[in-house]
Amino acid sequence: MCGRCSMLGMFADADADTVDDRDEEATEGRLTDDSPAHLGFHGYRILECIGRGGMGEVYEVSRGQERRAMKIIRADKISELEVKYFKDEIAMTMSLNHPHIVKALEAGQEEGVHYLVSELVEGRSLDFELQKRVRLSSEETLRVALSVAGAMAYCWNEGKLIHRDIKPANIIRSVHNLIKVADLGLGIKTKQLIEQSSGAGTRNYMSPETLVRPKEVSYKSDIYSLGITMFELITGTLPYHGDSRKAVYKSILANKQRQ
């Protein structure tokens, strides 16, 4: 995640075994030759790329005096399923309004490029801090957890929405020390769970029920992921490890069986 500014998290590259088990890598830099700077985007002007992932890019944009973040995907470079993920994210985030959730502002499509404009949050993801070997105190971790829990309670109660990808990379600390939850790209409405045939999330933070009973996933799965996140923020390590996706899942489920 960009060390200077962040928006709705980053697009994650699909895992080799499943498109829902995502890890991500983001880079920042100047505009490249293939940037969509020539498109109008409803009057927004692209300034620079602040993040890049497997599904697309995030740009800092301006319109008049406004500075925003724009997340884009190109329909010709990704699968129909990934386009659906992005459209679902747009539908979910546009209706949310909470001080600890990155605010989505508008969305559209131009020449096969889908885009979502959000507030530009000046700050860093907690994952960026972990990469710099920053460890949070128990008091600071609790403050982060209370902010994230408040945002998730709002999603559950107001939007009937489960995030499904709570992790440090999707939690942003602004320059004003405000905690913001980002990236609802894997979120799902509770009424959609009956159609869910496989789990979704990032491997090290997934709850046991997400792995074995995805149709039974509830807000409790987000609480589980938040617990894993708190552990990592304090210790700098993850409780479950493995050299592969299957090894991590085995570790998670083995711990569940011991309880």
C-alpha atoms as a PDB file:
ATOM      1  CA  MET A   1       0.000   0.000   0.000  1.00  0.00           C
ATOM      2  CA  CYS A   2       1.187   3.454  -0.841  1.00  0.00           C
ATOM      3  CA  GLY A   3       3.103   4.942   2.049  1.00  0.00           C
ATOM      4  CA  ARG A   4       1.813   8.460   1.352  1.00  0.00           C
ATOM      5  CA  CYS A   5      -1.875   8.008   0.642  1.00  0.00           C
ATOM      6  CA  SER A   6      -4.456   5.252   0.397  1.00  0.00           C
ATOM      7  CA  MET A   7      -8.039   4.679  -0.677  1.00  0.00           C
ATOM      8  CA  LEU A   8     -10.175   1.556  -0.831  1.00  0.00           C
ATOM      9  CA  GLY A   9      -7.327  -0.876  -0.265  1.00  0.00           C
ATOM     10  CA  MET A  10      -5.696  -2.388  -3.306  1.00  0.00           C
ATOM     11  CA  PHE A  11      -6.652  -4.889  -5.942  1.00  0.00           C
ATOM     12  CA  ALA A  12      -5.236  -8.257  -5.016  1.00  0.00           C
ATOM     13  CA  ASP A  13      -3.744 -10.751  -7.389  1.00  0.00           C
ATOM     14  CA  ALA A  14      -5.723 -13.936  -7.611  1.00  0.00           C
ATOM     15  CA  ASP A  15      -4.206 -16.929  -5.871  1.00  0.00           C
ATOM     16  CA  ALA A  16      -3.113 -19.729  -8.163  1.00  0.00           C
ATOM     17  CA  ASP A  17      -5.706 -22.076  -6.655  1.00  0.00           C
ATOM     18  CA  THR A  18      -8.687 -19.810  -6.125  1.00  0.00           C
ATOM     19  CA  VAL A  19      -9.621 -16.326  -7.286  1.00  0.00           C
ATOM     20  CA  ASP A  20     -11.071 -15.493  -3.873  1.00  0.00           C
ATOM     21  CA  ASP A  21      -7.933 -16.233  -1.804  1.00  0.00           C
ATOM     22  CA  ARG A  22      -6.066 -13.028  -2.503  1.00  0.00           C
ATOM     23  CA  ASP A  23      -2.670 -11.622  -1.634  1.00  0.00           C
ATOM     24  CA  GLU A  24      -1.667  -8.215  -2.863  1.00  0.00           C
ATOM     25  CA  GLU A  25       1.276  -6.157  -3.920  1.00  0.00           C
ATOM     26  CA  ALA A  26       1.091  -2.445  -4.582  1.00  0.00           C
ATOM     27  CA  THR A  27       3.525  -0.053  -6.122  1.00  0.00           C
ATOM     28  CA  GLU A  28       3.434   3.662  -6.739  1.00  0.00           C
ATOM     29  CA  GLY A  29       5.004   5.932  -9.308  1.00  0.00           C
ATOM     30  CA  ARG A  30       4.568   8.251 -12.225  1.00  0.00           C
ATOM     31  CA  LEU A  31       2.009   7.757 -14.970  1.00  0.00           C
ATOM     32  CA  THR A  32       2.954   5.071 -17.468  1.00  0.00           C
ATOM     33  CA  ASP A  33       2.308   5.003 -21.208  1.00  0.00           C
ATOM     34  CA  ASP A  34      -0.705   2.756 -20.716  1.00  0.00           C
ATOM     35  CA  SER A  35      -2.355   4.959 -18.064  1.00  0.00           C
ATOM     36  CA  PRO A  36      -5.949   6.039 -18.818  1.00  0.00           C
ATOM     37  CA  ALA A  37      -5.083   9.742 -18.495  1.00  0.00           C
ATOM     38  CA  HIS A  38      -6.700  10.472 -21.872  1.00  0.00           C
ATOM     39  CA  LEU A  39     -10.166   9.526 -20.617  1.00  0.00           C
ATOM     40  CA  GLY A  40     -12.531  12.161 -19.247  1.00  0.00           C
ATOM     41  CA  PHE A  41     -13.723  10.339 -16.108  1.00  0.00           C
ATOM     42  CA  HIS A  42     -16.513  12.847 -15.499  1.00  0.00           C
ATOM     43  CA  GLY A  43     -14.137  15.786 -15.365  1.00  0.00           C
ATOM     44  CA  TYR A  44     -11.448  14.213 -13.161  1.00  0.00           C
ATOM     45  CA  ARG A  45      -7.814  14.719 -14.121  1.00  0.00           C
ATOM     46  CA  ILE A  46      -5.374  11.913 -13.307  1.00  0.00           C
ATOM     47  CA  LEU A  47      -2.320  13.189 -11.407  1.00  0.00           C
ATOM     48  CA  GLU A  48      -0.278  10.103 -10.521  1.00  0.00           C
ATOM     49  CA  CYS A  49      -0.476   6.395  -9.836  1.00  0.00           C
ATOM     50  CA  ILE A  50      -0.485   5.682  -6.104  1.00  0.00           C
ATOM     51  CA  GLY A  51      -1.058   1.935  -6.206  1.00  0.00           C
ATOM     52  CA  ARG A  52      -1.051  -0.990  -8.602  1.00  0.00           C
ATOM     53  CA  GLY A  53      -2.256  -4.568  -8.317  1.00  0.00           C
ATOM     54  CA  GLY A  54      -3.390  -7.574 -10.294  1.00  0.00           C
ATOM     55  CA  MET A  55      -6.798  -6.135 -11.165  1.00  0.00           C
ATOM     56  CA  GLY A  56      -5.892  -2.530 -11.938  1.00  0.00           C
ATOM     57  CA  GLU A  57      -4.577   0.709 -10.481  1.00  0.00           C
ATOM     58  CA  VAL A  58      -5.376   3.467  -8.011  1.00  0.00           C
ATOM     59  CA  TYR A  59      -4.713   7.060  -9.040  1.00  0.00           C
ATOM     60  CA  GLU A  60      -4.726  10.387  -7.296  1.00  0.00           C
ATOM     61  CA  VAL A  61      -7.107  12.598  -9.282  1.00  0.00           C
ATOM     62  CA  SER A  62      -8.373  16.164  -9.137  1.00  0.00           C
ATOM     63  CA  ARG A  63     -11.433  18.088 -10.291  1.00  0.00           C
ATOM     64  CA  GLY A  64     -11.269  21.772  -9.562  1.00  0.00           C
ATOM     65  CA  GLN A  65      -9.959  22.102  -6.013  1.00  0.00           C
ATOM     66  CA  GLU A  66     -10.983  18.554  -5.070  1.00  0.00           C
ATOM     67  CA  ARG A  67      -8.399  15.814  -4.653  1.00  0.00           C
ATOM     68  CA  ARG A  68      -9.719  12.257  -4.704  1.00  0.00           C
ATOM     69  CA  ALA A  69      -8.601   8.692  -5.221  1.00  0.00           C
ATOM     70  CA  MET A  70      -9.781   6.739  -8.253  1.00  0.00           C
ATOM     71  CA  LYS A  71      -9.726   2.959  -8.421  1.00  0.00           C
ATOM     72  CA  ILE A  72      -9.966   1.550 -11.948  1.00  0.00           C
ATOM     73  CA  ILE A  73     -10.124  -1.802 -13.673  1.00  0.00           C
ATOM     74  CA  ARG A  74      -9.976  -2.510 -17.387  1.00  0.00           C
ATOM     75  CA  ALA A  75     -12.641  -4.958 -18.481  1.00  0.00           C
ATOM     76  CA  ASP A  76     -10.461  -6.370 -21.275  1.00  0.00           C
ATOM     77  CA  LYS A  77      -7.649  -7.351 -18.902  1.00  0.00           C
ATOM     78  CA  ILE A  78      -9.568  -9.251 -16.228  1.00  0.00           C
ATOM     79  CA  SER A  79     -12.224 -11.951 -16.010  1.00  0.00           C
ATOM     80  CA  GLU A  80     -15.961 -11.395 -15.928  1.00  0.00           C
ATOM     81  CA  LEU A  81     -15.929 -12.586 -12.310  1.00  0.00           C
ATOM     82  CA  GLU A  82     -13.440  -9.890 -11.336  1.00  0.00           C
ATOM     83  CA  VAL A  83     -15.561  -7.256 -13.093  1.00  0.00           C
ATOM     84  CA  LYS A  84     -18.484  -8.523 -11.044  1.00  0.00           C
ATOM     85  CA  TYR A  85     -16.434  -8.162  -7.835  1.00  0.00           C
ATOM     86  CA  PHE A  86     -15.755  -4.554  -8.708  1.00  0.00           C
ATOM     87  CA  LYS A  87     -19.368  -3.752  -9.591  1.00  0.00           C
ATOM     88  CA  ASP A  88     -20.527  -5.384  -6.362  1.00  0.00           C
ATOM     89  CA  GLU A  89     -18.018  -3.278  -4.441  1.00  0.00           C
ATOM     90  CA  ILE A  90     -19.388  -0.124  -6.067  1.00  0.00           C
ATOM     91  CA  ALA A  91     -22.977  -1.017  -5.193  1.00  0.00           C
ATOM     92  CA  MET A  92     -22.060  -1.763  -1.581  1.00  0.00           C
ATOM     93  CA  THR A  93     -19.731   1.126  -0.825  1.00  0.00           C
ATOM     94  CA  MET A  94     -21.798   3.913  -2.371  1.00  0.00           C
ATOM     95  CA  SER A  95     -24.497   3.436   0.268  1.00  0.00           C
ATOM     96  CA  LEU A  96     -22.168   3.491   3.291  1.00  0.00           C
ATOM     97  CA  ASN A  97     -21.483   6.611   5.352  1.00  0.00           C
ATOM     98  CA  HIS A  98     -19.407   6.142   8.500  1.00  0.00           C
ATOM     99  CA  PRO A  99     -16.442   8.085   9.927  1.00  0.00           C
ATOM    100  CA  HIS A 100     -14.281   4.949  10.033  1.00  0.00           C
ATOM    101  CA  ILE A 101     -15.041   3.730   6.485  1.00  0.00           C
ATOM    102  CA  VAL A 102     -13.383   5.210   3.389  1.00  0.00           C
ATOM    103  CA  LYS A 103     -16.201   7.110   1.673  1.00  0.00           C
ATOM    104  CA  ALA A 104     -17.062   6.192  -1.920  1.00  0.00           C
ATOM    105  CA  LEU A 105     -18.294   9.196  -3.902  1.00  0.00           C
ATOM    106  CA  GLU A 106     -19.134   8.240  -7.480  1.00  0.00           C
ATOM    107  CA  ALA A 107     -18.559   5.581 -10.116  1.00  0.00           C
ATOM    108  CA  GLY A 108     -18.823   5.067 -13.833  1.00  0.00           C
ATOM    109  CA  GLN A 109     -17.405   3.508 -16.981  1.00  0.00           C
ATOM    110  CA  GLU A 110     -15.572   4.960 -19.981  1.00  0.00           C
ATOM    111  CA  GLU A 111     -14.339   3.022 -22.997  1.00  0.00           C
ATOM    112  CA  GLY A 112     -14.241  -0.301 -21.158  1.00  0.00           C
ATOM    113  CA  VAL A 113     -12.616   1.169 -18.045  1.00  0.00           C
ATOM    114  CA  HIS A 114     -14.635   0.908 -14.809  1.00  0.00           C
ATOM    115  CA  TYR A 115     -13.827   3.402 -12.085  1.00  0.00           C
ATOM    116  CA  LEU A 116     -14.741   4.204  -8.490  1.00  0.00           C
ATOM    117  CA  VAL A 117     -13.917   7.583  -6.943  1.00  0.00           C
ATOM    118  CA  SER A 118     -13.472   7.868  -3.189  1.00  0.00           C
ATOM    119  CA  GLU A 119     -12.133  10.288  -0.632  1.00  0.00           C
ATOM    120  CA  LEU A 120      -8.349  10.518  -0.665  1.00  0.00           C
ATOM    121  CA  VAL A 121      -7.092   9.488   2.757  1.00  0.00           C
ATOM    122  CA  GLU A 122      -3.669  10.921   3.511  1.00  0.00           C
ATOM    123  CA  GLY A 123      -1.943   8.294   5.593  1.00  0.00           C
ATOM    124  CA  ARG A 124      -0.626   4.755   5.664  1.00  0.00           C
ATOM    125  CA  SER A 125      -2.057   1.281   5.913  1.00  0.00           C
ATOM    126  CA  LEU A 126      -1.235  -0.625   9.086  1.00  0.00           C
ATOM    127  CA  ASP A 127       0.360  -3.236   6.856  1.00  0.00           C
ATOM    128  CA  PHE A 128       2.828  -0.585   5.702  1.00  0.00           C
ATOM    129  CA  GLU A 129       3.679   0.093   9.351  1.00  0.00           C
ATOM    130  CA  LEU A 130       4.196  -3.623   9.975  1.00  0.00           C
ATOM    131  CA  GLN A 131       6.560  -3.826   7.002  1.00  0.00           C
ATOM    132  CA  LYS A 132       8.574  -1.040   8.622  1.00  0.00           C
ATOM    133  CA  ARG A 133       8.723  -3.214  11.768  1.00  0.00           C
ATOM    134  CA  VAL A 134       6.442  -0.861  13.686  1.00  0.00           C
ATOM    135  CA  ARG A 135       4.672  -2.633  16.567  1.00  0.00           C
ATOM    136  CA  LEU A 136       1.590  -1.191  18.225  1.00  0.00           C
ATOM    137  CA  SER A 137       1.121  -1.051  21.971  1.00  0.00           C
ATOM    138  CA  SER A 138      -1.813  -2.945  23.454  1.00  0.00           C
ATOM    139  CA  GLU A 139      -3.544   0.399  24.107  1.00  0.00           C
ATOM    140  CA  GLU A 140      -3.089   1.576  20.521  1.00  0.00           C
ATOM    141  CA  THR A 141      -4.182  -1.797  19.157  1.00  0.00           C
ATOM    142  CA  LEU A 142      -7.338  -1.579  21.248  1.00  0.00           C
ATOM    143  CA  ARG A 143      -8.052   1.885  19.838  1.00  0.00           C
ATOM    144  CA  VAL A 144      -7.672   0.539  16.310  1.00  0.00           C
ATOM    145  CA  ALA A 145      -9.892  -2.435  17.107  1.00  0.00           C
ATOM    146  CA  LEU A 146     -12.651  -0.239  18.550  1.00  0.00           C
ATOM    147  CA  SER A 147     -12.644   1.911  15.415  1.00  0.00           C
ATOM    148  CA  VAL A 148     -12.757  -1.098  13.083  1.00  0.00           C
ATOM    149  CA  ALA A 149     -15.410  -2.823  15.194  1.00  0.00           C
ATOM    150  CA  GLY A 150     -17.548   0.325  15.070  1.00  0.00           C
ATOM    151  CA  ALA A 151     -17.265   0.434  11.293  1.00  0.00           C
ATOM    152  CA  MET A 152     -18.101  -3.252  10.973  1.00  0.00           C
ATOM    153  CA  ALA A 153     -21.070  -2.982  13.341  1.00  0.00           C
ATOM    154  CA  TYR A 154     -22.387  -0.232  11.078  1.00  0.00           C
ATOM    155  CA  CYS A 155     -21.955  -2.484   8.026  1.00  0.00           C
ATOM    156  CA  TRP A 156     -23.679  -5.408   9.737  1.00  0.00           C
ATOM    157  CA  ASN A 157     -26.567  -3.418  11.195  1.00  0.00           C
ATOM    158  CA  GLU A 158     -27.213  -0.856   8.460  1.00  0.00           C
ATOM    159  CA  GLY A 159     -26.099  -2.621   5.306  1.00  0.00           C
ATOM    160  CA  LYS A 160     -26.410  -6.286   6.316  1.00  0.00           C
ATOM    161  CA  LEU A 161     -22.891  -6.535   4.952  1.00  0.00           C
ATOM    162  CA  ILE A 162     -19.986  -8.791   5.952  1.00  0.00           C
ATOM    163  CA  HIS A 163     -16.553  -7.425   4.982  1.00  0.00           C
ATOM    164  CA  ARG A 164     -14.731 -10.810   4.741  1.00  0.00           C
ATOM    165  CA  ASP A 165     -11.258  -9.288   4.351  1.00  0.00           C
ATOM    166  CA  ILE A 166     -10.369  -7.501   7.582  1.00  0.00           C
ATOM    167  CA  LYS A 167      -6.551  -7.271   7.795  1.00  0.00           C
ATOM    168  CA  PRO A 168      -3.847  -4.627   8.346  1.00  0.00           C
ATOM    169  CA  ALA A 169      -3.602  -3.838   4.616  1.00  0.00           C
ATOM    170  CA  ASN A 170      -7.256  -2.769   4.642  1.00  0.00           C
ATOM    171  CA  ILE A 171      -6.976  -0.550   7.714  1.00  0.00           C
ATOM    172  CA  ILE A 172      -5.637   2.966   7.143  1.00  0.00           C
ATOM    173  CA  ARG A 173      -4.295   5.389   9.719  1.00  0.00           C
ATOM    174  CA  SER A 174      -4.687   8.967   8.453  1.00  0.00           C
ATOM    175  CA  VAL A 175      -2.213  11.749   9.125  1.00  0.00           C
ATOM    176  CA  HIS A 176      -4.749  12.964  11.690  1.00  0.00           C
ATOM    177  CA  ASN A 177      -4.574   9.550  13.419  1.00  0.00           C
ATOM    178  CA  LEU A 178      -8.075   8.575  12.296  1.00  0.00           C
ATOM    179  CA  ILE A 179      -8.614   4.878  11.547  1.00  0.00           C
ATOM    180  CA  LYS A 180     -10.419   4.030   8.296  1.00  0.00           C
ATOM    181  CA  VAL A 181     -11.547   0.626   6.966  1.00  0.00           C
ATOM    182  CA  ALA A 182     -11.002   0.134   3.241  1.00  0.00           C
ATOM    183  CA  ASP A 183     -11.679  -2.320   0.424  1.00  0.00           C
ATOM    184  CA  LEU A 184     -15.112  -3.920   0.401  1.00  0.00           C
ATOM    185  CA  GLY A 185     -14.302  -5.800  -2.799  1.00  0.00           C
ATOM    186  CA  LEU A 186     -14.875  -9.173  -1.096  1.00  0.00           C
ATOM    187  CA  GLY A 187     -17.827  -8.004   0.981  1.00  0.00           C
ATOM    188  CA  ILE A 188     -21.103  -9.860   0.731  1.00  0.00           C
ATOM    189  CA  LYS A 189     -24.693  -9.210   1.734  1.00  0.00           C
ATOM    190  CA  THR A 190     -25.947 -11.692   4.309  1.00  0.00           C
ATOM    191  CA  LYS A 191     -28.840 -12.652   2.012  1.00  0.00           C
ATOM    192  CA  GLN A 192     -26.306 -13.691  -0.661  1.00  0.00           C
ATOM    193  CA  LEU A 193     -24.670 -16.294   1.561  1.00  0.00           C
ATOM    194  CA  ILE A 194     -27.091 -19.017   0.459  1.00  0.00           C
ATOM    195  CA  GLU A 195     -25.519 -18.732  -3.008  1.00  0.00           C
ATOM    196  CA  GLN A 196     -21.954 -18.819  -1.690  1.00  0.00           C
ATOM    197  CA  SER A 197     -20.115 -21.993  -2.695  1.00  0.00           C
ATOM    198  CA  SER A 198     -16.569 -21.105  -1.637  1.00  0.00           C
ATOM    199  CA  GLY A 199     -14.868 -19.027   0.998  1.00  0.00           C
ATOM    200  CA  ALA A 200     -13.320 -15.639   0.346  1.00  0.00           C
ATOM    201  CA  GLY A 201     -10.674 -13.569   2.043  1.00  0.00           C
ATOM    202  CA  THR A 202      -6.920 -13.492   2.595  1.00  0.00           C
ATOM    203  CA  ARG A 203      -5.539 -16.844   3.700  1.00  0.00           C
ATOM    204  CA  ASN A 204      -3.924 -15.971   7.052  1.00  0.00           C
ATOM    205  CA  TYR A 205      -6.967 -14.054   8.309  1.00  0.00           C
ATOM    206  CA  MET A 206      -9.754 -16.423   7.249  1.00  0.00           C
ATOM    207  CA  SER A 207     -11.963 -17.999   9.896  1.00  0.00           C
ATOM    208  CA  PRO A 208     -12.454 -21.777  10.094  1.00  0.00           C
ATOM    209  CA  GLU A 209     -16.106 -21.533   9.005  1.00  0.00           C
ATOM    210  CA  THR A 210     -15.050 -19.532   5.948  1.00  0.00           C
ATOM    211  CA  LEU A 211     -12.893 -22.483   4.918  1.00  0.00           C
ATOM    212  CA  VAL A 212     -15.291 -25.342   5.569  1.00  0.00           C
ATOM    213  CA  ARG A 213     -18.801 -23.860   5.769  1.00  0.00           C
ATOM    214  CA  PRO A 214     -18.833 -20.660   3.672  1.00  0.00           C
ATOM    215  CA  LYS A 215     -22.640 -20.483   3.633  1.00  0.00           C
ATOM    216  CA  GLU A 216     -22.588 -20.147   7.425  1.00  0.00           C
ATOM    217  CA  VAL A 217     -20.265 -17.133   7.462  1.00  0.00           C
ATOM    218  CA  SER A 218     -21.555 -14.264   9.610  1.00  0.00           C
ATOM    219  CA  TYR A 219     -20.338 -11.117  11.322  1.00  0.00           C
ATOM    220  CA  LYS A 220     -18.449 -13.462  13.660  1.00  0.00           C
ATOM    221  CA  SER A 221     -16.013 -14.192  10.823  1.00  0.00           C
ATOM    222  CA  ASP A 222     -15.120 -10.495  10.656  1.00  0.00           C
ATOM    223  CA  ILE A 223     -14.557 -10.528  14.427  1.00  0.00           C
ATOM    224  CA  TYR A 224     -12.218 -13.511  14.008  1.00  0.00           C
ATOM    225  CA  SER A 225     -10.224 -11.687  11.313  1.00  0.00           C
ATOM    226  CA  LEU A 226     -10.026  -8.613  13.532  1.00  0.00           C
ATOM    227  CA  GLY A 227      -8.631 -10.793  16.323  1.00  0.00           C
ATOM    228  CA  ILE A 228      -5.916 -12.138  14.007  1.00  0.00           C
ATOM    229  CA  THR A 229      -5.159  -8.555  12.976  1.00  0.00           C
ATOM    230  CA  MET A 230      -4.816  -7.421  16.601  1.00  0.00           C
ATOM    231  CA  PHE A 231      -2.427 -10.299  17.304  1.00  0.00           C
ATOM    232  CA  GLU A 232      -0.257  -9.276  14.357  1.00  0.00           C
ATOM    233  CA  LEU A 233      -0.268  -5.570  15.243  1.00  0.00           C
ATOM    234  CA  ILE A 234       1.051  -6.315  18.727  1.00  0.00           C
ATOM    235  CA  THR A 235       3.493  -9.152  17.966  1.00  0.00           C
ATOM    236  CA  GLY A 236       4.482  -8.470  14.356  1.00  0.00           C
ATOM    237  CA  THR A 237       3.769 -12.095  13.467  1.00  0.00           C
ATOM    238  CA  LEU A 238       0.784 -14.196  12.429  1.00  0.00           C
ATOM    239  CA  PRO A 239      -0.543 -17.043  14.591  1.00  0.00           C
ATOM    240  CA  TYR A 240      -0.931 -19.462  11.671  1.00  0.00           C
ATOM    241  CA  HIS A 241       1.826 -20.154   9.165  1.00  0.00           C
ATOM    242  CA  GLY A 242       2.535 -22.336   6.173  1.00  0.00           C
ATOM    243  CA  ASP A 243       4.490 -22.443   2.928  1.00  0.00           C
ATOM    244  CA  SER A 244       1.312 -22.739   0.883  1.00  0.00           C
ATOM    245  CA  ARG A 245      -2.356 -21.906   0.985  1.00  0.00           C
ATOM    246  CA  LYS A 246      -3.237 -25.470   2.001  1.00  0.00           C
ATOM    247  CA  ALA A 247      -0.628 -25.485   4.773  1.00  0.00           C
ATOM    248  CA  VAL A 248      -2.051 -22.285   6.278  1.00  0.00           C
ATOM    249  CA  TYR A 249      -5.589 -23.669   6.100  1.00  0.00           C
ATOM    250  CA  LYS A 250      -4.453 -26.885   7.788  1.00  0.00           C
ATOM    251  CA  SER A 251      -2.907 -24.865  10.612  1.00  0.00           C
ATOM    252  CA  ILE A 252      -6.099 -22.838  11.085  1.00  0.00           C
ATOM    253  CA  LEU A 253      -8.335 -25.900  11.151  1.00  0.00           C
ATOM    254  CA  ALA A 254      -5.984 -27.864  13.425  1.00  0.00           C
ATOM    255  CA  ASN A 255      -6.230 -25.105  16.021  1.00  0.00           C
ATOM    256  CA  LYS A 256     -10.026 -25.135  15.723  1.00  0.00           C
ATOM    257  CA  GLN A 257     -10.080 -28.878  16.420  1.00  0.00           C
ATOM    258  CA  ARG A 258      -7.992 -28.406  19.584  1.00  0.00           C
ATOM    259  CA  GLN A 259     -10.518 -25.963  21.047  1.00  0.00           C
END
